[in-house]
């Protein structure tokens, strides 16, 4: 997934994504070209699953899932290259 897709799915800013990558609390991107990086969808899905605290499951207010429900159901990122 490209950075813009990761931002859209996670609702995190670019700087927050890179800061969390640096401190190990977000999946690292992989290099796909000289000046290109991307994230594996499987890595992001695992991160999203891990970030749901048990207390947030019952309330539905997991911070990393604020936009995910509607975006995944509408396929926001599936058609982008």
PDB file of N, CA and C in Angstrom:
ATOM      1  N   UNK A   1       0.838  -1.168   0.000  1.00  0.00           N
ATOM      2  CA  UNK A   1       0.000   0.000   0.000  1.00  0.00           C
ATOM      3  C   UNK A   1       0.885   1.235   0.000  1.00  0.00           C
ATOM      4  N   UNK A   2       0.473   2.230  -0.719  1.00  0.00           N
ATOM      5  CA  UNK A   2       1.208   3.493  -0.749  1.00  0.00           C
ATOM      6  C   UNK A   2       0.924   4.297   0.522  1.00  0.00           C
ATOM      7  N   UNK A   3       1.779   5.269   0.763  1.00  0.00           N
ATOM      8  CA  UNK A   3       1.644   6.100   1.958  1.00  0.00           C
ATOM      9  C   UNK A   3       0.261   6.735   2.035  1.00  0.00           C
ATOM     10  N   UNK A   4      -0.241   7.263   0.928  1.00  0.00           N
ATOM     11  CA  UNK A   4      -1.557   7.931   0.980  1.00  0.00           C
ATOM     12  C   UNK A   4      -2.657   6.956   1.389  1.00  0.00           C
ATOM     13  N   UNK A   5      -2.529   5.694   0.975  1.00  0.00           N
ATOM     14  CA  UNK A   5      -3.510   4.685   1.375  1.00  0.00           C
ATOM     15  C   UNK A   5      -3.389   4.358   2.862  1.00  0.00           C
ATOM     16  N   UNK A   6      -2.164   4.272   3.351  1.00  0.00           N
ATOM     17  CA  UNK A   6      -1.929   3.993   4.767  1.00  0.00           C
ATOM     18  C   UNK A   6      -2.491   5.132   5.620  1.00  0.00           C
ATOM     19  N   UNK A   7      -2.266   6.355   5.190  1.00  0.00           N
ATOM     20  CA  UNK A   7      -2.808   7.517   5.905  1.00  0.00           C
ATOM     21  C   UNK A   7      -4.327   7.452   5.933  1.00  0.00           C
ATOM     22  N   UNK A   8      -4.927   7.126   4.806  1.00  0.00           N
ATOM     23  CA  UNK A   8      -6.387   7.078   4.730  1.00  0.00           C
ATOM     24  C   UNK A   8      -6.967   5.973   5.602  1.00  0.00           C
ATOM     25  N   UNK A   9      -6.369   4.812   5.575  1.00  0.00           N
ATOM     26  CA  UNK A   9      -6.886   3.674   6.333  1.00  0.00           C
ATOM     27  C   UNK A   9      -6.673   3.835   7.829  1.00  0.00           C
ATOM     28  N   UNK A  10      -5.513   4.341   8.233  1.00  0.00           N
ATOM     29  CA  UNK A  10      -5.204   4.428   9.661  1.00  0.00           C
ATOM     30  C   UNK A  10      -5.632   5.736  10.307  1.00  0.00           C
ATOM     31  N   UNK A  11      -5.867   6.760   9.518  1.00  0.00           N
ATOM     32  CA  UNK A  11      -6.171   8.116  10.019  1.00  0.00           C
ATOM     33  C   UNK A  11      -4.987   8.740  10.752  1.00  0.00           C
ATOM     34  N   UNK A  12      -3.802   8.198  10.535  1.00  0.00           N
ATOM     35  CA  UNK A  12      -2.596   8.778  11.121  1.00  0.00           C
ATOM     36  C   UNK A  12      -1.965   9.738  10.123  1.00  0.00           C
ATOM     37  N   UNK A  13      -1.276  10.746  10.623  1.00  0.00           N
ATOM     38  CA  UNK A  13      -0.571  11.661   9.738  1.00  0.00           C
ATOM     39  C   UNK A  13       0.734  11.022   9.263  1.00  0.00           C
ATOM     40  N   UNK A  14       1.305  11.593   8.232  1.00  0.00           N
ATOM     41  CA  UNK A  14       2.569  11.102   7.688  1.00  0.00           C
ATOM     42  C   UNK A  14       3.655  11.093   8.764  1.00  0.00           C
ATOM     43  N   UNK A  15       3.758  12.196   9.486  1.00  0.00           N
ATOM     44  CA  UNK A  15       4.804  12.288  10.507  1.00  0.00           C
ATOM     45  C   UNK A  15       4.581  11.283  11.639  1.00  0.00           C
ATOM     46  N   UNK A  16       3.336  11.039  11.996  1.00  0.00           N
ATOM     47  CA  UNK A  16       3.040  10.057  13.040  1.00  0.00           C
ATOM     48  C   UNK A  16       3.407   8.654  12.574  1.00  0.00           C
ATOM     49  N   UNK A  17       3.121   8.338  11.337  1.00  0.00           N
ATOM     50  CA  UNK A  17       3.479   7.024  10.789  1.00  0.00           C
ATOM     51  C   UNK A  17       4.989   6.820  10.872  1.00  0.00           C
ATOM     52  N   UNK A  18       5.762   7.807  10.403  1.00  0.00           N
ATOM     53  CA  UNK A  18       7.221   7.664  10.430  1.00  0.00           C
ATOM     54  C   UNK A  18       7.773   7.660  11.851  1.00  0.00           C
ATOM     55  N   UNK A  19       7.186   8.439  12.740  1.00  0.00           N
ATOM     56  CA  UNK A  19       7.630   8.440  14.139  1.00  0.00           C
ATOM     57  C   UNK A  19       7.361   7.083  14.777  1.00  0.00           C
ATOM     58  N   UNK A  20       6.189   6.525  14.522  1.00  0.00           N
ATOM     59  CA  UNK A  20       5.868   5.218  15.085  1.00  0.00           C
ATOM     60  C   UNK A  20       6.712   4.112  14.459  1.00  0.00           C
ATOM     61  N   UNK A  21       7.043   4.226  13.191  1.00  0.00           N
ATOM     62  CA  UNK A  21       7.959   3.257  12.581  1.00  0.00           C
ATOM     63  C   UNK A  21       9.306   3.297  13.295  1.00  0.00           C
ATOM     64  N   UNK A  22       9.784   4.507  13.578  1.00  0.00           N
ATOM     65  CA  UNK A  22      11.092   4.670  14.228  1.00  0.00           C
ATOM     66  C   UNK A  22      11.102   4.083  15.634  1.00  0.00           C
ATOM     67  N   UNK A  23       9.983   4.209  16.355  1.00  0.00           N
ATOM     68  CA  UNK A  23       9.966   3.671  17.719  1.00  0.00           C
ATOM     69  C   UNK A  23       9.456   2.229  17.782  1.00  0.00           C
ATOM     70  N   UNK A  24       9.162   1.648  16.638  1.00  0.00           N
ATOM     71  CA  UNK A  24       8.775   0.240  16.579  1.00  0.00           C
ATOM     72  C   UNK A  24       7.317  -0.057  16.836  1.00  0.00           C
ATOM     73  N   UNK A  25       6.478   0.968  16.897  1.00  0.00           N
ATOM     74  CA  UNK A  25       5.064   0.739  17.190  1.00  0.00           C
ATOM     75  C   UNK A  25       4.175   0.761  15.947  1.00  0.00           C
ATOM     76  N   UNK A  26       4.777   0.708  14.770  1.00  0.00           N
ATOM     77  CA  UNK A  26       4.040   0.671  13.509  1.00  0.00           C
ATOM     78  C   UNK A  26       4.847  -0.169  12.525  1.00  0.00           C
ATOM     79  N   UNK A  27       4.188  -0.907  11.642  1.00  0.00           N
ATOM     80  CA  UNK A  27       4.932  -1.753  10.693  1.00  0.00           C
ATOM     81  C   UNK A  27       5.888  -0.935   9.826  1.00  0.00           C
ATOM     82  N   UNK A  28       7.049  -1.496   9.581  1.00  0.00           N
ATOM     83  CA  UNK A  28       8.011  -0.836   8.704  1.00  0.00           C
ATOM     84  C   UNK A  28       7.597  -0.981   7.253  1.00  0.00           C
ATOM     85  N   UNK A  29       7.912   0.020   6.477  1.00  0.00           N
ATOM     86  CA  UNK A  29       7.672  -0.022   5.037  1.00  0.00           C
ATOM     87  C   UNK A  29       8.763  -0.857   4.383  1.00  0.00           C
ATOM     88  N   UNK A  30       8.484  -1.344   3.200  1.00  0.00           N
ATOM     89  CA  UNK A  30       9.487  -2.070   2.431  1.00  0.00           C
ATOM     90  C   UNK A  30       9.841  -1.254   1.199  1.00  0.00           C
ATOM     91  N   UNK A  31      11.086  -1.327   0.790  1.00  0.00           N
ATOM     92  CA  UNK A  31      11.546  -0.593  -0.382  1.00  0.00           C
ATOM     93  C   UNK A  31      11.114  -1.349  -1.628  1.00  0.00           C
ATOM     94  N   UNK A  32      10.407  -0.662  -2.536  1.00  0.00           N
ATOM     95  CA  UNK A  32       9.954  -1.288  -3.772  1.00  0.00           C
ATOM     96  C   UNK A  32      10.621  -0.672  -4.995  1.00  0.00           C
ATOM     97  N   UNK A  33      11.498   0.266  -4.774  1.00  0.00           N
ATOM     98  CA  UNK A  33      12.234   0.918  -5.844  1.00  0.00           C
ATOM     99  C   UNK A  33      13.262   1.852  -5.242  1.00  0.00           C
ATOM    100  N   UNK A  34      14.000   2.532  -6.092  1.00  0.00           N
ATOM    101  CA  UNK A  34      15.039   3.432  -5.621  1.00  0.00           C
ATOM    102  C   UNK A  34      14.491   4.494  -4.674  1.00  0.00           C
ATOM    103  N   UNK A  35      13.404   5.113  -5.038  1.00  0.00           N
ATOM    104  CA  UNK A  35      12.808   6.172  -4.214  1.00  0.00           C
ATOM    105  C   UNK A  35      11.364   5.861  -3.830  1.00  0.00           C
ATOM    106  N   UNK A  36      11.037   4.580  -3.731  1.00  0.00           N
ATOM    107  CA  UNK A  36       9.653   4.192  -3.451  1.00  0.00           C
ATOM    108  C   UNK A  36       9.612   3.214  -2.286  1.00  0.00           C
ATOM    109  N   UNK A  37       8.627   3.409  -1.419  1.00  0.00           N
ATOM    110  CA  UNK A  37       8.373   2.458  -0.340  1.00  0.00           C
ATOM    111  C   UNK A  37       6.884   2.149  -0.321  1.00  0.00           C
ATOM    112  N   UNK A  38       6.550   1.050   0.306  1.00  0.00           N
ATOM    113  CA  UNK A  38       5.145   0.667   0.450  1.00  0.00           C
ATOM    114  C   UNK A  38       5.022  -0.214   1.690  1.00  0.00           C
ATOM    115  N   UNK A  39       3.798  -0.418   2.108  1.00  0.00           N
ATOM    116  CA  UNK A  39       3.514  -1.281   3.249  1.00  0.00           C
ATOM    117  C   UNK A  39       2.757  -2.483   2.750  1.00  0.00           C
ATOM    118  N   UNK A  40       3.073  -3.635   3.336  1.00  0.00           N
ATOM    119  CA  UNK A  40       2.322  -4.843   3.019  1.00  0.00           C
ATOM    120  C   UNK A  40       0.977  -4.761   3.711  1.00  0.00           C
ATOM    121  N   UNK A  41      -0.078  -5.052   2.993  1.00  0.00           N
ATOM    122  CA  UNK A  41      -1.415  -4.992   3.559  1.00  0.00           C
ATOM    123  C   UNK A  41      -1.556  -5.953   4.731  1.00  0.00           C
ATOM    124  N   UNK A  42      -0.891  -7.099   4.654  1.00  0.00           N
ATOM    125  CA  UNK A  42      -0.952  -8.072   5.753  1.00  0.00           C
ATOM    126  C   UNK A  42      -0.352  -7.496   7.037  1.00  0.00           C
ATOM    127  N   UNK A  43       0.748  -6.745   6.907  1.00  0.00           N
ATOM    128  CA  UNK A  43       1.379  -6.127   8.078  1.00  0.00           C
ATOM    129  C   UNK A  43       0.455  -5.096   8.716  1.00  0.00           C
ATOM    130  N   UNK A  44      -0.206  -4.295   7.877  1.00  0.00           N
ATOM    131  CA  UNK A  44      -1.118  -3.287   8.417  1.00  0.00           C
ATOM    132  C   UNK A  44      -2.352  -3.928   9.040  1.00  0.00           C
ATOM    133  N   UNK A  45      -2.850  -4.971   8.419  1.00  0.00           N
ATOM    134  CA  UNK A  45      -4.005  -5.671   8.991  1.00  0.00           C
ATOM    135  C   UNK A  45      -3.662  -6.243  10.359  1.00  0.00           C
ATOM    136  N   UNK A  46      -2.474  -6.826  10.490  1.00  0.00           N
ATOM    137  CA  UNK A  46      -2.043  -7.367  11.779  1.00  0.00           C
ATOM    138  C   UNK A  46      -1.891  -6.250  12.804  1.00  0.00           C
ATOM    139  N   UNK A  47      -1.331  -5.117  12.394  1.00  0.00           N
ATOM    140  CA  UNK A  47      -1.173  -3.987  13.312  1.00  0.00           C
ATOM    141  C   UNK A  47      -2.540  -3.485  13.773  1.00  0.00           C
ATOM    142  N   UNK A  48      -3.472  -3.365  12.841  1.00  0.00           N
ATOM    143  CA  UNK A  48      -4.809  -2.906  13.194  1.00  0.00           C
ATOM    144  C   UNK A  48      -5.477  -3.869  14.174  1.00  0.00           C
ATOM    145  N   UNK A  49      -5.315  -5.162  13.954  1.00  0.00           N
ATOM    146  CA  UNK A  49      -5.897  -6.149  14.864  1.00  0.00           C
ATOM    147  C   UNK A  49      -5.266  -6.049  16.247  1.00  0.00           C
ATOM    148  N   UNK A  50      -3.948  -5.829  16.291  1.00  0.00           N
ATOM    149  CA  UNK A  50      -3.242  -5.735  17.568  1.00  0.00           C
ATOM    150  C   UNK A  50      -3.583  -4.470  18.345  1.00  0.00           C
ATOM    151  N   UNK A  51      -3.953  -3.422  17.651  1.00  0.00           N
ATOM    152  CA  UNK A  51      -4.175  -2.152  18.348  1.00  0.00           C
ATOM    153  C   UNK A  51      -5.533  -2.074  19.013  1.00  0.00           C
ATOM    154  N   UNK A  52      -6.374  -3.063  18.776  1.00  0.00           N
ATOM    155  CA  UNK A  52      -7.698  -3.046  19.402  1.00  0.00           C
ATOM    156  C   UNK A  52      -7.571  -3.579  20.823  1.00  0.00           C
ATOM    157  N   UNK A  53      -7.729  -2.695  21.771  1.00  0.00           N
ATOM    158  CA  UNK A  53      -7.682  -3.101  23.180  1.00  0.00           C
ATOM    159  C   UNK A  53      -9.004  -3.768  23.545  1.00  0.00           C
ATOM    160  N   UNK A  54      -8.987  -4.709  24.483  1.00  0.00           N
ATOM    161  CA  UNK A  54     -10.244  -5.386  24.868  1.00  0.00           C
ATOM    162  C   UNK A  54     -11.351  -4.418  25.261  1.00  0.00           C
ATOM    163  N   UNK A  55     -11.015  -3.319  25.910  1.00  0.00           N
ATOM    164  CA  UNK A  55     -12.047  -2.363  26.306  1.00  0.00           C
ATOM    165  C   UNK A  55     -12.634  -1.643  25.098  1.00  0.00           C
ATOM    166  N   UNK A  56     -11.858  -1.497  24.039  1.00  0.00           N
ATOM    167  CA  UNK A  56     -12.352  -0.824  22.842  1.00  0.00           C
ATOM    168  C   UNK A  56     -13.229  -1.727  21.981  1.00  0.00           C
ATOM    169  N   UNK A  57     -13.087  -3.029  22.134  1.00  0.00           N
ATOM    170  CA  UNK A  57     -13.884  -3.949  21.332  1.00  0.00           C
ATOM    171  C   UNK A  57     -15.360  -3.792  21.670  1.00  0.00           C
ATOM    172  N   UNK A  58     -15.672  -3.671  22.948  1.00  0.00           N
ATOM    173  CA  UNK A  58     -17.075  -3.563  23.341  1.00  0.00           C
ATOM    174  C   UNK A  58     -17.650  -2.193  23.032  1.00  0.00           C
ATOM    175  N   UNK A  59     -16.839  -1.141  23.098  1.00  0.00           N
ATOM    176  CA  UNK A  59     -17.354   0.201  22.826  1.00  0.00           C
ATOM    177  C   UNK A  59     -17.276   0.564  21.360  1.00  0.00           C
ATOM    178  N   UNK A  60     -16.440  -0.147  20.596  1.00  0.00           N
ATOM    179  CA  UNK A  60     -16.280   0.165  19.179  1.00  0.00           C
ATOM    180  C   UNK A  60     -15.482   1.421  18.933  1.00  0.00           C
ATOM    181  N   UNK A  61     -14.678   1.849  19.897  1.00  0.00           N
ATOM    182  CA  UNK A  61     -13.951   3.108  19.784  1.00  0.00           C
ATOM    183  C   UNK A  61     -12.432   2.893  19.752  1.00  0.00           C
ATOM    184  N   UNK A  62     -11.969   1.920  19.008  1.00  0.00           N
ATOM    185  CA  UNK A  62     -10.531   1.696  18.884  1.00  0.00           C
ATOM    186  C   UNK A  62      -9.930   2.845  18.075  1.00  0.00           C
ATOM    187  N   UNK A  63      -8.911   3.532  18.590  1.00  0.00           N
ATOM    188  CA  UNK A  63      -8.377   4.709  17.908  1.00  0.00           C
ATOM    189  C   UNK A  63      -7.813   4.425  16.530  1.00  0.00           C
ATOM    190  N   UNK A  64      -7.305   3.224  16.297  1.00  0.00           N
ATOM    191  CA  UNK A  64      -6.727   2.952  14.991  1.00  0.00           C
ATOM    192  C   UNK A  64      -7.768   2.508  13.975  1.00  0.00           C
ATOM    193  N   UNK A  65      -9.019   2.426  14.360  1.00  0.00           N
ATOM    194  CA  UNK A  65     -10.064   1.964  13.453  1.00  0.00           C
ATOM    195  C   UNK A  65     -11.135   3.003  13.155  1.00  0.00           C
ATOM    196  N   UNK A  66     -10.865   4.253  13.437  1.00  0.00           N
ATOM    197  CA  UNK A  66     -11.906   5.273  13.290  1.00  0.00           C
ATOM    198  C   UNK A  66     -12.494   5.345  11.890  1.00  0.00           C
ATOM    199  N   UNK A  67     -11.645   5.280  10.857  1.00  0.00           N
ATOM    200  CA  UNK A  67     -12.147   5.352   9.489  1.00  0.00           C
ATOM    201  C   UNK A  67     -12.208   3.993   8.811  1.00  0.00           C
ATOM    202  N   UNK A  68     -11.604   2.989   9.413  1.00  0.00           N
ATOM    203  CA  UNK A  68     -11.412   1.716   8.734  1.00  0.00           C
ATOM    204  C   UNK A  68     -12.714   1.042   8.337  1.00  0.00           C
ATOM    205  N   UNK A  69     -13.713   1.065   9.188  1.00  0.00           N
ATOM    206  CA  UNK A  69     -14.937   0.333   8.900  1.00  0.00           C
ATOM    207  C   UNK A  69     -15.546   0.730   7.568  1.00  0.00           C
ATOM    208  N   UNK A  70     -15.725   1.997   7.321  1.00  0.00           N
ATOM    209  CA  UNK A  70     -16.350   2.423   6.076  1.00  0.00           C
ATOM    210  C   UNK A  70     -15.412   2.302   4.895  1.00  0.00           C
ATOM    211  N   UNK A  71     -14.125   2.545   5.097  1.00  0.00           N
ATOM    212  CA  UNK A  71     -13.181   2.484   3.987  1.00  0.00           C
ATOM    213  C   UNK A  71     -12.991   1.072   3.482  1.00  0.00           C
ATOM    214  N   UNK A  72     -12.900   0.126   4.370  1.00  0.00           N
ATOM    215  CA  UNK A  72     -12.734  -1.261   3.946  1.00  0.00           C
ATOM    216  C   UNK A  72     -14.000  -1.754   3.267  1.00  0.00           C
ATOM    217  N   UNK A  73     -15.141  -1.391   3.802  1.00  0.00           N
ATOM    218  CA  UNK A  73     -16.403  -1.871   3.217  1.00  0.00           C
ATOM    219  C   UNK A  73     -16.658  -1.273   1.842  1.00  0.00           C
ATOM    220  N   UNK A  74     -16.131  -0.084   1.575  1.00  0.00           N
ATOM    221  CA  UNK A  74     -16.323   0.523   0.263  1.00  0.00           C
ATOM    222  C   UNK A  74     -15.158   0.266  -0.675  1.00  0.00           C
ATOM    223  N   UNK A  75     -14.110  -0.405  -0.182  1.00  0.00           N
ATOM    224  CA  UNK A  75     -12.958  -0.740  -1.033  1.00  0.00           C
ATOM    225  C   UNK A  75     -12.147   0.474  -1.451  1.00  0.00           C
ATOM    226  N   UNK A  76     -11.882   1.383  -0.527  1.00  0.00           N
ATOM    227  CA  UNK A  76     -11.215   2.643  -0.847  1.00  0.00           C
ATOM    228  C   UNK A  76      -9.842   2.456  -1.481  1.00  0.00           C
ATOM    229  N   UNK A  77      -9.144   1.429  -1.120  1.00  0.00           N
ATOM    230  CA  UNK A  77      -7.748   1.302  -1.535  1.00  0.00           C
ATOM    231  C   UNK A  77      -7.536   0.181  -2.550  1.00  0.00           C
ATOM    232  N   UNK A  78      -8.528  -0.606  -2.828  1.00  0.00           N
ATOM    233  CA  UNK A  78      -8.359  -1.797  -3.649  1.00  0.00           C
ATOM    234  C   UNK A  78      -7.987  -1.472  -5.098  1.00  0.00           C
ATOM    235  N   UNK A  79      -8.489  -0.395  -5.656  1.00  0.00           N
ATOM    236  CA  UNK A  79      -8.263  -0.141  -7.076  1.00  0.00           C
ATOM    237  C   UNK A  79      -7.051   0.730  -7.372  1.00  0.00           C
ATOM    238  N   UNK A  80      -6.396   1.240  -6.332  1.00  0.00           N
ATOM    239  CA  UNK A  80      -5.245   2.117  -6.555  1.00  0.00           C
ATOM    240  C   UNK A  80      -3.990   1.323  -6.834  1.00  0.00           C
ATOM    241  N   UNK A  81      -3.105   1.892  -7.654  1.00  0.00           N
ATOM    242  CA  UNK A  81      -1.818   1.230  -7.945  1.00  0.00           C
ATOM    243  C   UNK A  81      -0.689   1.948  -7.272  1.00  0.00           C
TER     244      UNK A  81
END
